[in-house]
PDB file of N, CA and C in Angstrom:
ATOM      1  N   MET A   1     -92.605 -37.303  -1.128  1.00  0.00           N
ATOM      2  CA  MET A   1     -92.240 -36.040  -0.550  1.00  0.00           C
ATOM      3  C   MET A   1     -91.131 -36.290   0.480  1.00  0.00           C
ATOM      4  N   LYS A   2     -90.078 -35.517   0.398  1.00  0.00           N
ATOM      5  CA  LYS A   2     -88.959 -35.655   1.328  1.00  0.00           C
ATOM      6  C   LYS A   2     -89.264 -34.962   2.654  1.00  0.00           C
ATOM      7  N   THR A   3     -88.691 -35.495   3.732  1.00  0.00           N
ATOM      8  CA  THR A   3     -88.860 -34.883   5.048  1.00  0.00           C
ATOM      9  C   THR A   3     -87.779 -33.830   5.281  1.00  0.00           C
ATOM     10  N   ALA A   4     -88.068 -32.901   6.180  1.00  0.00           N
ATOM     11  CA  ALA A   4     -87.111 -31.872   6.577  1.00  0.00           C
ATOM     12  C   ALA A   4     -87.410 -31.538   8.030  1.00  0.00           C
ATOM     13  N   TRP A   5     -86.855 -32.323   8.945  1.00  0.00           N
ATOM     14  CA  TRP A   5     -87.139 -32.141  10.367  1.00  0.00           C
ATOM     15  C   TRP A   5     -86.486 -30.872  10.889  1.00  0.00           C
ATOM     16  N   HIS A   6     -87.239 -30.151  11.692  1.00  0.00           N
ATOM     17  CA  HIS A   6     -86.779 -28.898  12.288  1.00  0.00           C
ATOM     18  C   HIS A   6     -85.833 -29.231  13.441  1.00  0.00           C
ATOM     19  N   GLY A   7     -84.706 -28.536  13.548  1.00  0.00           N
ATOM     20  CA  GLY A   7     -83.742 -28.782  14.614  1.00  0.00           C
ATOM     21  C   GLY A   7     -83.076 -27.508  15.085  1.00  0.00           C
ATOM     22  N   PRO A   8     -83.853 -26.522  15.524  1.00  0.00           N
ATOM     23  CA  PRO A   8     -83.245 -25.259  15.946  1.00  0.00           C
ATOM     24  C   PRO A   8     -82.530 -25.391  17.286  1.00  0.00           C
ATOM     25  N   ASN A   9     -81.906 -24.320  17.720  1.00  0.00           N
ATOM     26  CA  ASN A   9     -81.139 -24.332  18.968  1.00  0.00           C
ATOM     27  C   ASN A   9     -81.991 -24.603  20.195  1.00  0.00           C
ATOM     28  N   ASP A  10     -83.290 -24.335  20.134  1.00  0.00           N
ATOM     29  CA  ASP A  10     -84.127 -24.564  21.314  1.00  0.00           C
ATOM     30  C   ASP A  10     -84.704 -25.976  21.379  1.00  0.00           C
ATOM     31  N   VAL A  11     -84.265 -26.853  20.492  1.00  0.00           N
ATOM     32  CA  VAL A  11     -84.658 -28.265  20.557  1.00  0.00           C
ATOM     33  C   VAL A  11     -83.554 -28.999  21.315  1.00  0.00           C
ATOM     34  N   SER A  12     -83.936 -29.788  22.308  1.00  0.00           N
ATOM     35  CA  SER A  12     -82.927 -30.472  23.120  1.00  0.00           C
ATOM     36  C   SER A  12     -82.249 -31.590  22.329  1.00  0.00           C
ATOM     37  N   PRO A  13     -81.073 -32.032  22.785  1.00  0.00           N
ATOM     38  CA  PRO A  13     -80.432 -33.177  22.138  1.00  0.00           C
ATOM     39  C   PRO A  13     -81.308 -34.432  22.175  1.00  0.00           C
ATOM     40  N   VAL A  14     -82.170 -34.540  23.180  1.00  0.00           N
ATOM     41  CA  VAL A  14     -83.072 -35.696  23.255  1.00  0.00           C
ATOM     42  C   VAL A  14     -84.035 -35.674  22.068  1.00  0.00           C
ATOM     43  N   THR A  15     -84.668 -34.535  21.847  1.00  0.00           N
ATOM     44  CA  THR A  15     -85.592 -34.405  20.709  1.00  0.00           C
ATOM     45  C   THR A  15     -84.848 -34.542  19.394  1.00  0.00           C
ATOM     46  N   HIS A  16     -83.655 -33.984  19.335  1.00  0.00           N
ATOM     47  CA  HIS A  16     -82.853 -34.076  18.120  1.00  0.00           C
ATOM     48  C   HIS A  16     -82.492 -35.532  17.823  1.00  0.00           C
ATOM     49  N   ALA A  17     -82.223 -36.312  18.872  1.00  0.00           N
ATOM     50  CA  ALA A  17     -81.915 -37.735  18.691  1.00  0.00           C
ATOM     51  C   ALA A  17     -83.127 -38.483  18.126  1.00  0.00           C
ATOM     52  N   VAL A  18     -84.300 -38.146  18.599  1.00  0.00           N
ATOM     53  CA  VAL A  18     -85.517 -38.769  18.063  1.00  0.00           C
ATOM     54  C   VAL A  18     -85.668 -38.426  16.586  1.00  0.00           C
ATOM     55  N   ASN A  19     -85.423 -37.150  16.227  1.00  0.00           N
ATOM     56  CA  ASN A  19     -85.471 -36.768  14.814  1.00  0.00           C
ATOM     57  C   ASN A  19     -84.485 -37.599  13.998  1.00  0.00           C
ATOM     58  N   TRP A  20     -83.285 -37.790  14.525  1.00  0.00           N
ATOM     59  CA  TRP A  20     -82.266 -38.569  13.821  1.00  0.00           C
ATOM     60  C   TRP A  20     -82.768 -39.988  13.548  1.00  0.00           C
ATOM     61  N   HIS A  21     -83.376 -40.597  14.551  1.00  0.00           N
ATOM     62  CA  HIS A  21     -83.897 -41.960  14.373  1.00  0.00           C
ATOM     63  C   HIS A  21     -85.019 -42.000  13.348  1.00  0.00           C
ATOM     64  N   LEU A  22     -85.862 -40.972  13.334  1.00  0.00           N
ATOM     65  CA  LEU A  22     -86.895 -40.896  12.292  1.00  0.00           C
ATOM     66  C   LEU A  22     -86.249 -40.811  10.912  1.00  0.00           C
ATOM     67  N   ASN A  23     -85.187 -40.023  10.809  1.00  0.00           N
ATOM     68  CA  ASN A  23     -84.492 -39.881   9.521  1.00  0.00           C
ATOM     69  C   ASN A  23     -83.966 -41.212   9.000  1.00  0.00           C
ATOM     70  N   VAL A  24     -83.223 -41.928   9.841  1.00  0.00           N
ATOM     71  CA  VAL A  24     -82.574 -43.147   9.355  1.00  0.00           C
ATOM     72  C   VAL A  24     -83.563 -44.281   9.121  1.00  0.00           C
ATOM     73  N   SER A  25     -84.777 -44.136   9.624  1.00  0.00           N
ATOM     74  CA  SER A  25     -85.767 -45.189   9.401  1.00  0.00           C
ATOM     75  C   SER A  25     -86.809 -44.811   8.349  1.00  0.00           C
ATOM     76  N   SER A  26     -86.670 -43.628   7.740  1.00  0.00           N
ATOM     77  CA  SER A  26     -87.649 -43.164   6.753  1.00  0.00           C
ATOM     78  C   SER A  26     -87.089 -43.288   5.344  1.00  0.00           C
ATOM     79  N   TYR A  27     -87.854 -43.904   4.476  1.00  0.00           N
ATOM     80  CA  TYR A  27     -87.419 -44.029   3.089  1.00  0.00           C
ATOM     81  C   TYR A  27     -87.432 -42.676   2.380  1.00  0.00           C
ATOM     82  N   ASN A  28     -88.187 -41.722   2.908  1.00  0.00           N
ATOM     83  CA  ASN A  28     -88.301 -40.420   2.252  1.00  0.00           C
ATOM     84  C   ASN A  28     -87.533 -39.316   2.983  1.00  0.00           C
ATOM     85  N   PHE A  29     -86.463 -39.695   3.670  1.00  0.00           N
ATOM     86  CA  PHE A  29     -85.638 -38.695   4.353  1.00  0.00           C
ATOM     87  C   PHE A  29     -85.091 -37.701   3.345  1.00  0.00           C
ATOM     88  N   GLY A  30     -85.153 -36.417   3.712  1.00  0.00           N
ATOM     89  CA  GLY A  30     -84.642 -35.373   2.834  1.00  0.00           C
ATOM     90  C   GLY A  30     -83.450 -34.666   3.428  1.00  0.00           C
ATOM     91  N   ILE A  31     -83.672 -33.929   4.510  1.00  0.00           N
ATOM     92  CA  ILE A  31     -82.601 -33.154   5.133  1.00  0.00           C
ATOM     93  C   ILE A  31     -82.947 -32.946   6.604  1.00  0.00           C
ATOM     94  N   GLN A  32     -81.919 -32.760   7.431  1.00  0.00           N
ATOM     95  CA  GLN A  32     -82.125 -32.521   8.862  1.00  0.00           C
ATOM     96  C   GLN A  32     -81.455 -31.213   9.241  1.00  0.00           C
ATOM     97  N   GLU A  33     -82.223 -30.295   9.784  1.00  0.00           N
ATOM     98  CA  GLU A  33     -81.655 -29.053  10.299  1.00  0.00           C
ATOM     99  C   GLU A  33     -80.899 -29.381  11.588  1.00  0.00           C
ATOM    100  N   ASP A  34     -79.770 -28.717  11.788  1.00  0.00           N
ATOM    101  CA  ASP A  34     -78.983 -28.939  12.996  1.00  0.00           C
ATOM    102  C   ASP A  34     -78.914 -27.657  13.799  1.00  0.00           C
ATOM    103  N   GLY A  35     -78.971 -27.785  15.105  1.00  0.00           N
ATOM    104  CA  GLY A  35     -78.826 -26.638  15.985  1.00  0.00           C
ATOM    105  C   GLY A  35     -77.753 -26.926  17.024  1.00  0.00           C
ATOM    106  N   THR A  36     -77.068 -25.899  17.443  1.00  0.00           N
ATOM    107  CA  THR A  36     -76.047 -26.083  18.466  1.00  0.00           C
ATOM    108  C   THR A  36     -76.670 -25.866  19.836  1.00  0.00           C
ATOM    109  N   VAL A  37     -76.121 -26.495  20.838  1.00  0.00           N
ATOM    110  CA  VAL A  37     -76.604 -26.327  22.206  1.00  0.00           C
ATOM    111  C   VAL A  37     -75.470 -25.777  23.059  1.00  0.00           C
ATOM    112  N   ASP A  38     -75.842 -25.063  24.130  1.00  0.00           N
ATOM    113  CA  ASP A  38     -74.810 -24.467  24.975  1.00  0.00           C
ATOM    114  C   ASP A  38     -74.240 -25.491  25.949  1.00  0.00           C
ATOM    115  N   ASP A  39     -73.209 -25.070  26.680  1.00  0.00           N
ATOM    116  CA  ASP A  39     -72.498 -25.984  27.576  1.00  0.00           C
ATOM    117  C   ASP A  39     -73.375 -26.488  28.721  1.00  0.00           C
ATOM    118  N   THR A  40     -74.351 -25.677  29.152  1.00  0.00           N
ATOM    119  CA  THR A  40     -75.257 -26.110  30.217  1.00  0.00           C
ATOM    120  C   THR A  40     -76.050 -27.338  29.771  1.00  0.00           C
ATOM    121  N   VAL A  41     -76.568 -27.293  28.558  1.00  0.00           N
ATOM    122  CA  VAL A  41     -77.336 -28.424  28.030  1.00  0.00           C
ATOM    123  C   VAL A  41     -76.425 -29.645  27.893  1.00  0.00           C
ATOM    124  N   LYS A  42     -75.217 -29.446  27.420  1.00  0.00           N
ATOM    125  CA  LYS A  42     -74.269 -30.561  27.274  1.00  0.00           C
ATOM    126  C   LYS A  42     -73.910 -31.178  28.618  1.00  0.00           C
ATOM    127  N   GLU A  43     -73.954 -30.362  29.673  1.00  0.00           N
ATOM    128  CA  GLU A  43     -73.682 -30.866  31.019  1.00  0.00           C
ATOM    129  C   GLU A  43     -74.799 -31.790  31.496  1.00  0.00           C
ATOM    130  N   VAL A  44     -76.032 -31.471  31.131  1.00  0.00           N
ATOM    131  CA  VAL A  44     -77.195 -32.229  31.600  1.00  0.00           C
ATOM    132  C   VAL A  44     -77.509 -33.407  30.680  1.00  0.00           C
ATOM    133  N   VAL A  45     -77.403 -33.216  29.376  1.00  0.00           N
ATOM    134  CA  VAL A  45     -77.732 -34.276  28.410  1.00  0.00           C
ATOM    135  C   VAL A  45     -76.448 -34.775  27.771  1.00  0.00           C
ATOM    136  N   LYS A  46     -76.166 -36.044  27.984  1.00  0.00           N
ATOM    137  CA  LYS A  46     -74.966 -36.675  27.416  1.00  0.00           C
ATOM    138  C   LYS A  46     -75.352 -37.428  26.151  1.00  0.00           C
ATOM    139  N   GLY A  47     -74.576 -37.225  25.100  1.00  0.00           N
ATOM    140  CA  GLY A  47     -74.841 -37.922  23.847  1.00  0.00           C
ATOM    141  C   GLY A  47     -75.728 -37.099  22.933  1.00  0.00           C
ATOM    142  N   GLY A  48     -76.337 -37.770  21.979  1.00  0.00           N
ATOM    143  CA  GLY A  48     -77.159 -37.094  20.984  1.00  0.00           C
ATOM    144  C   GLY A  48     -76.397 -36.925  19.685  1.00  0.00           C
ATOM    145  N   PRO A  49     -77.072 -36.423  18.664  1.00  0.00           N
ATOM    146  CA  PRO A  49     -76.433 -36.265  17.362  1.00  0.00           C
ATOM    147  C   PRO A  49     -75.292 -35.259  17.398  1.00  0.00           C
ATOM    148  N   VAL A  50     -74.264 -35.531  16.598  1.00  0.00           N
ATOM    149  CA  VAL A  50     -73.120 -34.646  16.456  1.00  0.00           C
ATOM    150  C   VAL A  50     -72.937 -34.371  14.969  1.00  0.00           C
ATOM    151  N   CYS A  51     -72.818 -33.100  14.614  1.00  0.00           N
ATOM    152  CA  CYS A  51     -72.610 -32.732  13.217  1.00  0.00           C
ATOM    153  C   CYS A  51     -71.120 -32.752  12.907  1.00  0.00           C
ATOM    154  N   LYS A  52     -70.745 -33.565  11.913  1.00  0.00           N
ATOM    155  CA  LYS A  52     -69.340 -33.665  11.512  1.00  0.00           C
ATOM    156  C   LYS A  52     -69.280 -33.787   9.996  1.00  0.00           C
ATOM    157  N   ASP A  53     -68.568 -32.871   9.371  1.00  0.00           N
ATOM    158  CA  ASP A  53     -68.409 -32.864   7.911  1.00  0.00           C
ATOM    159  C   ASP A  53     -69.754 -32.855   7.180  1.00  0.00           C
ATOM    160  N   GLY A  54     -70.728 -32.143   7.746  1.00  0.00           N
ATOM    161  CA  GLY A  54     -72.027 -32.020   7.095  1.00  0.00           C
ATOM    162  C   GLY A  54     -72.983 -33.170   7.354  1.00  0.00           C
ATOM    163  N   TYR A  55     -72.594 -34.115   8.193  1.00  0.00           N
ATOM    164  CA  TYR A  55     -73.439 -35.273   8.501  1.00  0.00           C
ATOM    165  C   TYR A  55     -73.722 -35.320   9.992  1.00  0.00           C
ATOM    166  N   LEU A  56     -74.927 -35.723  10.352  1.00  0.00           N
ATOM    167  CA  LEU A  56     -75.253 -35.968  11.753  1.00  0.00           C
ATOM    168  C   LEU A  56     -74.932 -37.412  12.059  1.00  0.00           C
ATOM    169  N   THR A  57     -74.122 -37.630  13.065  1.00  0.00           N
ATOM    170  CA  THR A  57     -73.760 -38.982  13.466  1.00  0.00           C
ATOM    171  C   THR A  57     -74.176 -39.207  14.909  1.00  0.00           C
ATOM    172  N   MET A  58     -74.302 -40.468  15.278  1.00  0.00           N
ATOM    173  CA  MET A  58     -74.645 -40.841  16.645  1.00  0.00           C
ATOM    174  C   MET A  58     -73.686 -41.934  17.090  1.00  0.00           C
ATOM    175  N   GLU A  59     -73.334 -41.875  18.371  1.00  0.00           N
ATOM    176  CA  GLU A  59     -72.557 -42.973  18.938  1.00  0.00           C
ATOM    177  C   GLU A  59     -73.471 -44.190  19.072  1.00  0.00           C
ATOM    178  N   ASP A  60     -72.879 -45.364  19.095  1.00  0.00           N
ATOM    179  CA  ASP A  60     -73.644 -46.596  19.248  1.00  0.00           C
ATOM    180  C   ASP A  60     -73.961 -46.805  20.726  1.00  0.00           C
ATOM    181  N   LYS A  61     -75.087 -46.244  21.161  1.00  0.00           N
ATOM    182  CA  LYS A  61     -75.523 -46.353  22.550  1.00  0.00           C
ATOM    183  C   LYS A  61     -76.923 -46.927  22.576  1.00  0.00           C
ATOM    184  N   PRO A  62     -77.322 -47.512  23.697  1.00  0.00           N
ATOM    185  CA  PRO A  62     -78.684 -48.048  23.780  1.00  0.00           C
ATOM    186  C   PRO A  62     -79.735 -46.934  23.732  1.00  0.00           C
ATOM    187  N   GLY A  63     -80.959 -47.325  23.449  1.00  0.00           N
ATOM    188  CA  GLY A  63     -82.064 -46.367  23.424  1.00  0.00           C
ATOM    189  C   GLY A  63     -81.943 -45.413  22.258  1.00  0.00           C
ATOM    190  N   ILE A  64     -82.221 -44.126  22.522  1.00  0.00           N
ATOM    191  CA  ILE A  64     -82.151 -43.147  21.434  1.00  0.00           C
ATOM    192  C   ILE A  64     -80.768 -42.519  21.285  1.00  0.00           C
ATOM    193  N   GLY A  65     -79.806 -42.922  22.116  1.00  0.00           N
ATOM    194  CA  GLY A  65     -78.429 -42.464  21.952  1.00  0.00           C
ATOM    195  C   GLY A  65     -78.015 -41.302  22.829  1.00  0.00           C
ATOM    196  N   CYS A  66     -78.841 -40.978  23.808  1.00  0.00           N
ATOM    197  CA  CYS A  66     -78.450 -39.934  24.754  1.00  0.00           C
ATOM    198  C   CYS A  66     -79.100 -40.227  26.103  1.00  0.00           C
ATOM    199  N   ASP A  67     -78.583 -39.575  27.130  1.00  0.00           N
ATOM    200  CA  ASP A  67     -79.072 -39.820  28.475  1.00  0.00           C
ATOM    201  C   ASP A  67     -79.050 -38.519  29.258  1.00  0.00           C
ATOM    202  N   ILE A  68     -79.883 -38.428  30.271  1.00  0.00           N
ATOM    203  CA  ILE A  68     -79.972 -37.238  31.102  1.00  0.00           C
ATOM    204  C   ILE A  68     -79.245 -37.501  32.413  1.00  0.00           C
ATOM    205  N   ASP A  69     -78.330 -36.599  32.761  1.00  0.00           N
ATOM    206  CA  ASP A  69     -77.629 -36.659  34.034  1.00  0.00           C
ATOM    207  C   ASP A  69     -78.523 -35.968  35.068  1.00  0.00           C
ATOM    208  N   GLU A  70     -79.251 -36.753  35.841  1.00  0.00           N
ATOM    209  CA  GLU A  70     -80.244 -36.199  36.767  1.00  0.00           C
ATOM    210  C   GLU A  70     -79.613 -35.357  37.868  1.00  0.00           C
ATOM    211  N   GLU A  71     -78.408 -35.686  38.294  1.00  0.00           N
ATOM    212  CA  GLU A  71     -77.733 -34.875  39.311  1.00  0.00           C
ATOM    213  C   GLU A  71     -77.393 -33.493  38.749  1.00  0.00           C
ATOM    214  N   ALA A  72     -76.912 -33.444  37.526  1.00  0.00           N
ATOM    215  CA  ALA A  72     -76.623 -32.155  36.891  1.00  0.00           C
ATOM    216  C   ALA A  72     -77.913 -31.364  36.672  1.00  0.00           C
ATOM    217  N   ALA A  73     -78.976 -32.052  36.297  1.00  0.00           N
ATOM    218  CA  ALA A  73     -80.256 -31.370  36.048  1.00  0.00           C
ATOM    219  C   ALA A  73     -80.808 -30.716  37.312  1.00  0.00           C
ATOM    220  N   LYS A  74     -80.538 -31.279  38.470  1.00  0.00           N
ATOM    221  CA  LYS A  74     -81.016 -30.705  39.733  1.00  0.00           C
ATOM    222  C   LYS A  74     -80.453 -29.310  39.974  1.00  0.00           C
ATOM    223  N   ARG A  75     -79.324 -29.004  39.371  1.00  0.00           N
ATOM    224  CA  ARG A  75     -78.714 -27.675  39.544  1.00  0.00           C
ATOM    225  C   ARG A  75     -79.426 -26.599  38.737  1.00  0.00           C
ATOM    226  N   TYR A  76     -80.342 -27.000  37.879  1.00  0.00           N
ATOM    227  CA  TYR A  76     -81.060 -26.062  37.009  1.00  0.00           C
ATOM    228  C   TYR A  76     -82.565 -26.281  37.138  1.00  0.00           C
ATOM    229  N   PRO A  77     -83.170 -25.784  38.220  1.00  0.00           N
ATOM    230  CA  PRO A  77     -84.611 -26.001  38.397  1.00  0.00           C
ATOM    231  C   PRO A  77     -85.425 -25.341  37.284  1.00  0.00           C
ATOM    232  N   TYR A  78     -86.555 -25.938  36.996  1.00  0.00           N
ATOM    233  CA  TYR A  78     -87.444 -25.454  35.945  1.00  0.00           C
ATOM    234  C   TYR A  78     -87.951 -24.055  36.272  1.00  0.00           C
ATOM    235  N   LYS A  79     -87.897 -23.168  35.286  1.00  0.00           N
ATOM    236  CA  LYS A  79     -88.462 -21.825  35.397  1.00  0.00           C
ATOM    237  C   LYS A  79     -89.429 -21.652  34.243  1.00  0.00           C
ATOM    238  N   ARG A  80     -90.681 -21.449  34.554  1.00  0.00           N
ATOM    239  CA  ARG A  80     -91.683 -21.310  33.508  1.00  0.00           C
ATOM    240  C   ARG A  80     -91.402 -20.058  32.680  1.00  0.00           C
ATOM    241  N   ALA A  81     -91.460 -20.204  31.371  1.00  0.00           N
ATOM    242  CA  ALA A  81     -91.218 -19.093  30.455  1.00  0.00           C
ATOM    243  C   ALA A  81     -92.088 -19.285  29.213  1.00  0.00           C
ATOM    244  N   TYR A  82     -92.330 -18.212  28.529  1.00  0.00           N
ATOM    245  CA  TYR A  82     -93.156 -18.260  27.328  1.00  0.00           C
ATOM    246  C   TYR A  82     -92.439 -17.599  26.166  1.00  0.00           C
ATOM    247  N   ILE A  83     -92.639 -18.137  24.988  1.00  0.00           N
ATOM    248  CA  ILE A  83     -92.169 -17.482  23.773  1.00  0.00           C
ATOM    249  C   ILE A  83     -93.157 -16.349  23.500  1.00  0.00           C
ATOM    250  N   PRO A  84     -92.655 -15.156  23.182  1.00  0.00           N
ATOM    251  CA  PRO A  84     -93.589 -14.050  22.943  1.00  0.00           C
ATOM    252  C   PRO A  84     -94.536 -14.360  21.789  1.00  0.00           C
ATOM    253  N   VAL A  85     -95.784 -14.115  22.011  1.00  0.00           N
ATOM    254  CA  VAL A  85     -96.804 -14.301  20.988  1.00  0.00           C
ATOM    255  C   VAL A  85     -97.595 -13.007  20.894  1.00  0.00           C
ATOM    256  N   CYS A  86     -97.860 -12.593  19.687  1.00  0.00           N
ATOM    257  CA  CYS A  86     -98.612 -11.350  19.477  1.00  0.00           C
ATOM    258  C   CYS A  86    -100.104 -11.658  19.458  1.00  0.00           C
ATOM    259  N   ARG A  87    -100.728 -11.531  20.602  1.00  0.00           N
ATOM    260  CA  ARG A  87    -102.178 -11.736  20.701  1.00  0.00           C
ATOM    261  C   ARG A  87    -102.801 -10.594  21.468  1.00  0.00           C
ATOM    262  N   ARG A  88    -103.976 -10.199  21.023  1.00  0.00           N
ATOM    263  CA  ARG A  88    -104.710  -9.153  21.721  1.00  0.00           C
ATOM    264  C   ARG A  88    -105.315  -9.734  22.996  1.00  0.00           C
ATOM    265  N   PRO A  89    -105.121  -9.049  24.135  1.00  0.00           N
ATOM    266  CA  PRO A  89    -105.658  -9.573  25.392  1.00  0.00           C
ATOM    267  C   PRO A  89    -107.182  -9.636  25.414  1.00  0.00           C
ATOM    268  N   GLU A  90    -107.828  -8.807  24.607  1.00  0.00           N
ATOM    269  CA  GLU A  90    -109.299  -8.761  24.607  1.00  0.00           C
ATOM    270  C   GLU A  90    -109.929 -10.046  24.068  1.00  0.00           C
ATOM    271  N   ASP A  91    -109.387 -10.521  22.935  1.00  0.00           N
ATOM    272  CA  ASP A  91    -110.031 -11.670  22.295  1.00  0.00           C
ATOM    273  C   ASP A  91    -109.077 -12.782  21.878  1.00  0.00           C
ATOM    274  N   GLY A  92    -107.771 -12.592  22.108  1.00  0.00           N
ATOM    275  CA  GLY A  92    -106.792 -13.619  21.769  1.00  0.00           C
ATOM    276  C   GLY A  92    -106.402 -13.668  20.315  1.00  0.00           C
ATOM    277  N   SER A  93    -106.913 -12.726  19.493  1.00  0.00           N
ATOM    278  CA  SER A  93    -106.584 -12.741  18.071  1.00  0.00           C
ATOM    279  C   SER A  93    -105.134 -12.326  17.845  1.00  0.00           C
ATOM    280  N   LEU A  94    -104.532 -12.843  16.758  1.00  0.00           N
ATOM    281  CA  LEU A  94    -103.145 -12.513  16.428  1.00  0.00           C
ATOM    282  C   LEU A  94    -103.057 -11.077  15.941  1.00  0.00           C
ATOM    283  N   CYS A  95    -101.919 -10.430  16.218  1.00  0.00           N
ATOM    284  CA  CYS A  95    -101.702  -9.060  15.783  1.00  0.00           C
ATOM    285  C   CYS A  95    -100.228  -8.837  15.513  1.00  0.00           C
ATOM    286  N   ASP A  96     -99.881  -7.685  14.922  1.00  0.00           N
ATOM    287  CA  ASP A  96     -98.479  -7.328  14.659  1.00  0.00           C
ATOM    288  C   ASP A  96     -97.775  -6.970  15.953  1.00  0.00           C
ATOM    289  N   TRP A  97     -96.438  -7.099  15.952  1.00  0.00           N
ATOM    290  CA  TRP A  97     -95.654  -6.693  17.112  1.00  0.00           C
ATOM    291  C   TRP A  97     -95.884  -5.233  17.319  1.00  0.00           C
TER     292      TRP A  97
END
């Protein structure tokens, strides 16, 4: 069975880099979804996979191929947020929007 790692826009370049490493080390690699990240993320996370001509490539860097700029990250403090989920407050069961 071939793999198909999820890589939407809300996955960080760090997680995407880990997916890339799983791909190149798996005999059953199938396809990798790619997501774009905004300039804020690029400011904080340096490196990671780059899509070029339909292929994800990585620079030859130590570790997983990306690094976090901690000084840049300090400018964006964590704000807790939730993805909307349709659950009834009474019992937590799933429901329609």
